[in-house]
């Protein structure tokens, strides 16, 4: 019973440390890239995406996330 308890505590502590590290990395990444990537698209972005979609024969790519499926 003692060994199981020690292993459980060690595993729990490891998981908590990992969760803390991941959340810190997430916060750092969001603070660096949020201005450019986590914003609503403007008219220039939409125009560029529609041109790329036309070139790739991929119409409607802005309508639905289902557009991510390839044939």
PDB file of N, CA and C in Angstrom:
ATOM      1  N   UNK A   1       0.821  -1.196   0.000  1.00  0.00           N
ATOM      2  CA  UNK A   1       0.000   0.000   0.000  1.00  0.00           C
ATOM      3  C   UNK A   1       0.863   1.256   0.000  1.00  0.00           C
ATOM      4  N   UNK A   2       1.958   1.242   0.738  1.00  0.00           N
ATOM      5  CA  UNK A   2       2.829   2.405   0.817  1.00  0.00           C
ATOM      6  C   UNK A   2       3.448   2.749  -0.524  1.00  0.00           C
ATOM      7  N   UNK A   3       3.881   1.717  -1.283  1.00  0.00           N
ATOM      8  CA  UNK A   3       4.495   1.945  -2.588  1.00  0.00           C
ATOM      9  C   UNK A   3       3.482   2.515  -3.575  1.00  0.00           C
ATOM     10  N   UNK A   4       2.269   1.985  -3.527  1.00  0.00           N
ATOM     11  CA  UNK A   4       1.220   2.493  -4.412  1.00  0.00           C
ATOM     12  C   UNK A   4       0.934   3.957  -4.108  1.00  0.00           C
ATOM     13  N   UNK A   5       0.876   4.306  -2.845  1.00  0.00           N
ATOM     14  CA  UNK A   5       0.631   5.695  -2.452  1.00  0.00           C
ATOM     15  C   UNK A   5       1.759   6.605  -2.927  1.00  0.00           C
ATOM     16  N   UNK A   6       2.986   6.169  -2.766  1.00  0.00           N
ATOM     17  CA  UNK A   6       4.139   6.962  -3.212  1.00  0.00           C
ATOM     18  C   UNK A   6       4.095   7.153  -4.721  1.00  0.00           C
ATOM     19  N   UNK A   7       3.793   6.099  -5.467  1.00  0.00           N
ATOM     20  CA  UNK A   7       3.705   6.198  -6.924  1.00  0.00           C
ATOM     21  C   UNK A   7       2.570   7.119  -7.338  1.00  0.00           C
ATOM     22  N   UNK A   8       1.447   7.038  -6.640  1.00  0.00           N
ATOM     23  CA  UNK A   8       0.317   7.912  -6.965  1.00  0.00           C
ATOM     24  C   UNK A   8       0.678   9.372  -6.725  1.00  0.00           C
ATOM     25  N   UNK A   9       1.317   9.662  -5.596  1.00  0.00           N
ATOM     26  CA  UNK A   9       1.717  11.034  -5.276  1.00  0.00           C
ATOM     27  C   UNK A   9       2.718  11.547  -6.307  1.00  0.00           C
ATOM     28  N   UNK A  10       3.686  10.709  -6.680  1.00  0.00           N
ATOM     29  CA  UNK A  10       4.689  11.099  -7.668  1.00  0.00           C
ATOM     30  C   UNK A  10       4.024  11.391  -9.016  1.00  0.00           C
ATOM     31  N   UNK A  11       3.099  10.529  -9.422  1.00  0.00           N
ATOM     32  CA  UNK A  11       2.395  10.716 -10.694  1.00  0.00           C
ATOM     33  C   UNK A  11       1.550  11.982 -10.651  1.00  0.00           C
ATOM     34  N   UNK A  12       0.832  12.194  -9.563  1.00  0.00           N
ATOM     35  CA  UNK A  12      -0.001  13.377  -9.412  1.00  0.00           C
ATOM     36  C   UNK A  12       0.839  14.644  -9.484  1.00  0.00           C
ATOM     37  N   UNK A  13       1.965  14.645  -8.780  1.00  0.00           N
ATOM     38  CA  UNK A  13       2.847  15.809  -8.790  1.00  0.00           C
ATOM     39  C   UNK A  13       3.403  16.058 -10.193  1.00  0.00           C
ATOM     40  N   UNK A  14       3.735  14.991 -10.903  1.00  0.00           N
ATOM     41  CA  UNK A  14       4.261  15.133 -12.261  1.00  0.00           C
ATOM     42  C   UNK A  14       3.209  15.716 -13.192  1.00  0.00           C
ATOM     43  N   UNK A  15       1.978  15.243 -13.071  1.00  0.00           N
ATOM     44  CA  UNK A  15       0.896  15.746 -13.917  1.00  0.00           C
ATOM     45  C   UNK A  15       0.640  17.211 -13.620  1.00  0.00           C
ATOM     46  N   UNK A  16       0.631  17.588 -12.359  1.00  0.00           N
ATOM     47  CA  UNK A  16       0.401  18.986 -11.994  1.00  0.00           C
ATOM     48  C   UNK A  16       1.527  19.882 -12.526  1.00  0.00           C
ATOM     49  N   UNK A  17       2.763  19.408 -12.433  1.00  0.00           N
ATOM     50  CA  UNK A  17       3.895  20.181 -12.958  1.00  0.00           C
ATOM     51  C   UNK A  17       3.776  20.338 -14.471  1.00  0.00           C
ATOM     52  N   UNK A  18       3.365  19.284 -15.158  1.00  0.00           N
ATOM     53  CA  UNK A  18       3.193  19.339 -16.605  1.00  0.00           C
ATOM     54  C   UNK A  18       2.068  20.304 -16.973  1.00  0.00           C
ATOM     55  N   UNK A  19       0.962  20.256 -16.251  1.00  0.00           N
ATOM     56  CA  UNK A  19      -0.140  21.176 -16.517  1.00  0.00           C
ATOM     57  C   UNK A  19       0.301  22.624 -16.324  1.00  0.00           C
ATOM     58  N   UNK A  20       1.076  22.874 -15.297  1.00  0.00           N
ATOM     59  CA  UNK A  20       1.566  24.231 -15.049  1.00  0.00           C
ATOM     60  C   UNK A  20       2.457  24.685 -16.192  1.00  0.00           C
ATOM     61  N   UNK A  21       3.363  23.808 -16.633  1.00  0.00           N
ATOM     62  CA  UNK A  21       4.295  24.154 -17.711  1.00  0.00           C
ATOM     63  C   UNK A  21       3.548  24.425 -19.018  1.00  0.00           C
ATOM     64  N   UNK A  22       2.575  23.583 -19.338  1.00  0.00           N
ATOM     65  CA  UNK A  22       1.799  23.771 -20.565  1.00  0.00           C
ATOM     66  C   UNK A  22       1.017  25.079 -20.508  1.00  0.00           C
ATOM     67  N   UNK A  23       0.427  25.379 -19.380  1.00  0.00           N
ATOM     68  CA  UNK A  23      -0.346  26.622 -19.272  1.00  0.00           C
ATOM     69  C   UNK A  23       0.568  27.839 -19.391  1.00  0.00           C
ATOM     70  N   UNK A  24       1.764  27.768 -18.848  1.00  0.00           N
ATOM     71  CA  UNK A  24       2.714  28.874 -18.984  1.00  0.00           C
ATOM     72  C   UNK A  24       3.125  29.049 -20.450  1.00  0.00           C
ATOM     73  N   UNK A  25       3.393  27.932 -21.142  1.00  0.00           N
ATOM     74  CA  UNK A  25       3.752  28.014 -22.556  1.00  0.00           C
ATOM     75  C   UNK A  25       2.601  28.580 -23.367  1.00  0.00           C
ATOM     76  N   UNK A  26       1.391  28.147 -23.064  1.00  0.00           N
ATOM     77  CA  UNK A  26       0.201  28.648 -23.756  1.00  0.00           C
ATOM     78  C   UNK A  26       0.079  30.159 -23.574  1.00  0.00           C
ATOM     79  N   UNK A  27       0.225  30.626 -22.350  1.00  0.00           N
ATOM     80  CA  UNK A  27       0.109  32.058 -22.079  1.00  0.00           C
ATOM     81  C   UNK A  27       1.171  32.849 -22.838  1.00  0.00           C
ATOM     82  N   UNK A  28       2.382  32.308 -22.905  1.00  0.00           N
ATOM     83  CA  UNK A  28       3.461  32.983 -23.622  1.00  0.00           C
ATOM     84  C   UNK A  28       3.164  33.056 -25.112  1.00  0.00           C
ATOM     85  N   UNK A  29       2.729  31.948 -25.696  1.00  0.00           N
ATOM     86  CA  UNK A  29       2.435  31.908 -27.126  1.00  0.00           C
ATOM     87  C   UNK A  29       1.284  32.853 -27.460  1.00  0.00           C
ATOM     88  N   UNK A  30       0.250  32.847 -26.650  1.00  0.00           N
ATOM     89  CA  UNK A  30      -0.892  33.737 -26.893  1.00  0.00           C
ATOM     90  C   UNK A  30      -0.460  35.200 -26.788  1.00  0.00           C
ATOM     91  N   UNK A  31       0.371  35.519 -25.805  1.00  0.00           N
ATOM     92  CA  UNK A  31       0.792  36.915 -25.664  1.00  0.00           C
ATOM     93  C   UNK A  31       1.653  37.380 -26.834  1.00  0.00           C
ATOM     94  N   UNK A  32       2.413  36.467 -27.444  1.00  0.00           N
ATOM     95  CA  UNK A  32       3.275  36.838 -28.569  1.00  0.00           C
ATOM     96  C   UNK A  32       2.484  36.948 -29.866  1.00  0.00           C
ATOM     97  N   UNK A  33       1.619  35.967 -30.142  1.00  0.00           N
ATOM     98  CA  UNK A  33       0.993  35.869 -31.454  1.00  0.00           C
ATOM     99  C   UNK A  33      -0.466  36.314 -31.515  1.00  0.00           C
ATOM    100  N   UNK A  34      -1.055  36.705 -30.418  1.00  0.00           N
ATOM    101  CA  UNK A  34      -2.493  36.995 -30.420  1.00  0.00           C
ATOM    102  C   UNK A  34      -2.859  38.188 -31.300  1.00  0.00           C
ATOM    103  N   UNK A  35      -2.009  39.176 -31.366  1.00  0.00           N
ATOM    104  CA  UNK A  35      -2.332  40.368 -32.159  1.00  0.00           C
ATOM    105  C   UNK A  35      -2.462  40.014 -33.639  1.00  0.00           C
ATOM    106  N   UNK A  36      -1.590  39.129 -34.125  1.00  0.00           N
ATOM    107  CA  UNK A  36      -1.596  38.799 -35.552  1.00  0.00           C
ATOM    108  C   UNK A  36      -2.540  37.659 -35.906  1.00  0.00           C
ATOM    109  N   UNK A  37      -2.603  36.627 -35.065  1.00  0.00           N
ATOM    110  CA  UNK A  37      -3.314  35.414 -35.454  1.00  0.00           C
ATOM    111  C   UNK A  37      -4.651  35.194 -34.751  1.00  0.00           C
ATOM    112  N   UNK A  38      -4.869  35.776 -33.612  1.00  0.00           N
ATOM    113  CA  UNK A  38      -6.113  35.547 -32.871  1.00  0.00           C
ATOM    114  C   UNK A  38      -7.034  36.758 -32.961  1.00  0.00           C
ATOM    115  N   UNK A  39      -7.189  37.250 -34.159  1.00  0.00           N
ATOM    116  CA  UNK A  39      -8.061  38.393 -34.391  1.00  0.00           C
ATOM    117  C   UNK A  39      -9.041  38.023 -35.491  1.00  0.00           C
ATOM    118  N   UNK A  40     -10.077  38.794 -35.616  1.00  0.00           N
ATOM    119  CA  UNK A  40     -11.022  38.578 -36.705  1.00  0.00           C
ATOM    120  C   UNK A  40     -10.377  39.006 -38.019  1.00  0.00           C
ATOM    121  N   UNK A  41     -10.640  38.299 -39.095  1.00  0.00           N
ATOM    122  CA  UNK A  41     -10.042  38.682 -40.375  1.00  0.00           C
ATOM    123  C   UNK A  41     -10.620  40.000 -40.884  1.00  0.00           C
ATOM    124  N   UNK A  42      -9.752  40.791 -41.479  1.00  0.00           N
ATOM    125  CA  UNK A  42     -10.222  42.036 -42.091  1.00  0.00           C
ATOM    126  C   UNK A  42     -10.486  41.793 -43.578  1.00  0.00           C
ATOM    127  N   UNK A  43     -10.880  42.823 -44.285  1.00  0.00           N
ATOM    128  CA  UNK A  43     -11.247  42.638 -45.696  1.00  0.00           C
ATOM    129  C   UNK A  43     -10.050  42.194 -46.545  1.00  0.00           C
ATOM    130  N   UNK A  44      -8.859  42.652 -46.218  1.00  0.00           N
ATOM    131  CA  UNK A  44      -7.662  42.219 -46.951  1.00  0.00           C
ATOM    132  C   UNK A  44      -7.405  40.720 -46.766  1.00  0.00           C
ATOM    133  N   UNK A  45      -7.566  40.241 -45.536  1.00  0.00           N
ATOM    134  CA  UNK A  45      -7.373  38.812 -45.264  1.00  0.00           C
ATOM    135  C   UNK A  45      -8.380  37.971 -46.043  1.00  0.00           C
ATOM    136  N   UNK A  46      -9.624  38.405 -46.037  1.00  0.00           N
ATOM    137  CA  UNK A  46     -10.669  37.648 -46.721  1.00  0.00           C
ATOM    138  C   UNK A  46     -10.430  37.629 -48.223  1.00  0.00           C
ATOM    139  N   UNK A  47     -10.047  38.764 -48.769  1.00  0.00           N
ATOM    140  CA  UNK A  47      -9.750  38.831 -50.204  1.00  0.00           C
ATOM    141  C   UNK A  47      -8.604  37.893 -50.556  1.00  0.00           C
ATOM    142  N   UNK A  48      -7.552  37.931 -49.766  1.00  0.00           N
ATOM    143  CA  UNK A  48      -6.397  37.059 -50.013  1.00  0.00           C
ATOM    144  C   UNK A  48      -6.788  35.589 -49.927  1.00  0.00           C
ATOM    145  N   UNK A  49      -7.569  35.224 -48.928  1.00  0.00           N
ATOM    146  CA  UNK A  49      -8.000  33.827 -48.777  1.00  0.00           C
ATOM    147  C   UNK A  49      -8.875  33.378 -49.944  1.00  0.00           C
ATOM    148  N   UNK A  50      -9.750  34.254 -50.409  1.00  0.00           N
ATOM    149  CA  UNK A  50     -10.611  33.884 -51.531  1.00  0.00           C
ATOM    150  C   UNK A  50      -9.819  33.738 -52.825  1.00  0.00           C
ATOM    151  N   UNK A  51      -8.796  34.556 -53.019  1.00  0.00           N
ATOM    152  CA  UNK A  51      -7.942  34.426 -54.202  1.00  0.00           C
ATOM    153  C   UNK A  51      -7.187  33.097 -54.159  1.00  0.00           C
ATOM    154  N   UNK A  52      -6.634  32.780 -53.017  1.00  0.00           N
ATOM    155  CA  UNK A  52      -5.917  31.505 -52.867  1.00  0.00           C
ATOM    156  C   UNK A  52      -6.877  30.340 -53.086  1.00  0.00           C
ATOM    157  N   UNK A  53      -8.075  30.437 -52.548  1.00  0.00           N
ATOM    158  CA  UNK A  53      -9.069  29.374 -52.720  1.00  0.00           C
ATOM    159  C   UNK A  53      -9.421  29.191 -54.191  1.00  0.00           C
ATOM    160  N   UNK A  54      -9.556  30.291 -54.912  1.00  0.00           N
ATOM    161  CA  UNK A  54      -9.847  30.232 -56.348  1.00  0.00           C
ATOM    162  C   UNK A  54      -8.719  29.556 -57.117  1.00  0.00           C
ATOM    163  N   UNK A  55      -7.494  29.915 -56.790  1.00  0.00           N
ATOM    164  CA  UNK A  55      -6.333  29.326 -57.462  1.00  0.00           C
ATOM    165  C   UNK A  55      -6.247  27.822 -57.216  1.00  0.00           C
ATOM    166  N   UNK A  56      -6.649  27.397 -56.038  1.00  0.00           N
ATOM    167  CA  UNK A  56      -6.569  25.973 -55.674  1.00  0.00           C
ATOM    168  C   UNK A  56      -7.860  25.215 -55.981  1.00  0.00           C
ATOM    169  N   UNK A  57      -8.799  25.887 -56.643  1.00  0.00           N
ATOM    170  CA  UNK A  57     -10.114  25.295 -56.937  1.00  0.00           C
ATOM    171  C   UNK A  57     -10.756  24.736 -55.663  1.00  0.00           C
ATOM    172  N   UNK A  58     -10.848  25.611 -54.676  1.00  0.00           N
ATOM    173  CA  UNK A  58     -11.353  25.224 -53.364  1.00  0.00           C
ATOM    174  C   UNK A  58     -12.395  26.239 -52.915  1.00  0.00           C
ATOM    175  N   UNK A  59     -13.522  26.341 -53.644  1.00  0.00           N
ATOM    176  CA  UNK A  59     -14.509  27.382 -53.332  1.00  0.00           C
ATOM    177  C   UNK A  59     -15.205  27.136 -51.998  1.00  0.00           C
ATOM    178  N   UNK A  60     -15.623  28.187 -51.370  1.00  0.00           N
ATOM    179  CA  UNK A  60     -16.388  28.063 -50.134  1.00  0.00           C
ATOM    180  C   UNK A  60     -15.563  27.759 -48.915  1.00  0.00           C
ATOM    181  N   UNK A  61     -14.256  27.984 -48.983  1.00  0.00           N
ATOM    182  CA  UNK A  61     -13.418  27.608 -47.854  1.00  0.00           C
ATOM    183  C   UNK A  61     -13.688  28.451 -46.608  1.00  0.00           C
ATOM    184  N   UNK A  62     -14.315  29.587 -46.751  1.00  0.00           N
ATOM    185  CA  UNK A  62     -14.605  30.416 -45.587  1.00  0.00           C
ATOM    186  C   UNK A  62     -15.974  30.124 -44.984  1.00  0.00           C
ATOM    187  N   UNK A  63     -16.757  29.290 -45.637  1.00  0.00           N
ATOM    188  CA  UNK A  63     -18.111  29.032 -45.156  1.00  0.00           C
ATOM    189  C   UNK A  63     -18.167  28.054 -43.991  1.00  0.00           C
ATOM    190  N   UNK A  64     -17.366  27.024 -44.051  1.00  0.00           N
ATOM    191  CA  UNK A  64     -17.526  25.958 -43.071  1.00  0.00           C
ATOM    192  C   UNK A  64     -16.198  25.282 -42.778  1.00  0.00           C
ATOM    193  N   UNK A  65     -16.075  24.794 -41.568  1.00  0.00           N
ATOM    194  CA  UNK A  65     -14.883  24.025 -41.201  1.00  0.00           C
ATOM    195  C   UNK A  65     -14.874  22.690 -41.925  1.00  0.00           C
ATOM    196  N   UNK A  66     -16.037  22.261 -42.443  1.00  0.00           N
ATOM    197  CA  UNK A  66     -16.098  21.020 -43.220  1.00  0.00           C
ATOM    198  C   UNK A  66     -15.301  21.139 -44.509  1.00  0.00           C
ATOM    199  N   UNK A  67     -14.945  22.336 -44.889  1.00  0.00           N
ATOM    200  CA  UNK A  67     -14.125  22.544 -46.087  1.00  0.00           C
ATOM    201  C   UNK A  67     -12.721  21.999 -45.930  1.00  0.00           C
ATOM    202  N   UNK A  68     -12.378  21.526 -44.763  1.00  0.00           N
ATOM    203  CA  UNK A  68     -11.045  20.994 -44.522  1.00  0.00           C
ATOM    204  C   UNK A  68     -10.902  19.565 -45.055  1.00  0.00           C
ATOM    205  N   UNK A  69     -11.971  18.929 -45.463  1.00  0.00           N
ATOM    206  CA  UNK A  69     -11.907  17.563 -45.967  1.00  0.00           C
ATOM    207  C   UNK A  69     -11.464  17.567 -47.419  1.00  0.00           C
ATOM    208  N   UNK A  70     -10.487  16.761 -47.734  1.00  0.00           N
ATOM    209  CA  UNK A  70      -9.950  16.681 -49.090  1.00  0.00           C
ATOM    210  C   UNK A  70     -10.501  15.474 -49.789  1.00  0.00           C
ATOM    211  N   UNK A  71     -10.634  15.554 -51.100  1.00  0.00           N
ATOM    212  CA  UNK A  71     -11.106  14.408 -51.876  1.00  0.00           C
ATOM    213  C   UNK A  71      -9.944  13.514 -52.239  1.00  0.00           C
TER     214      UNK A  71
END
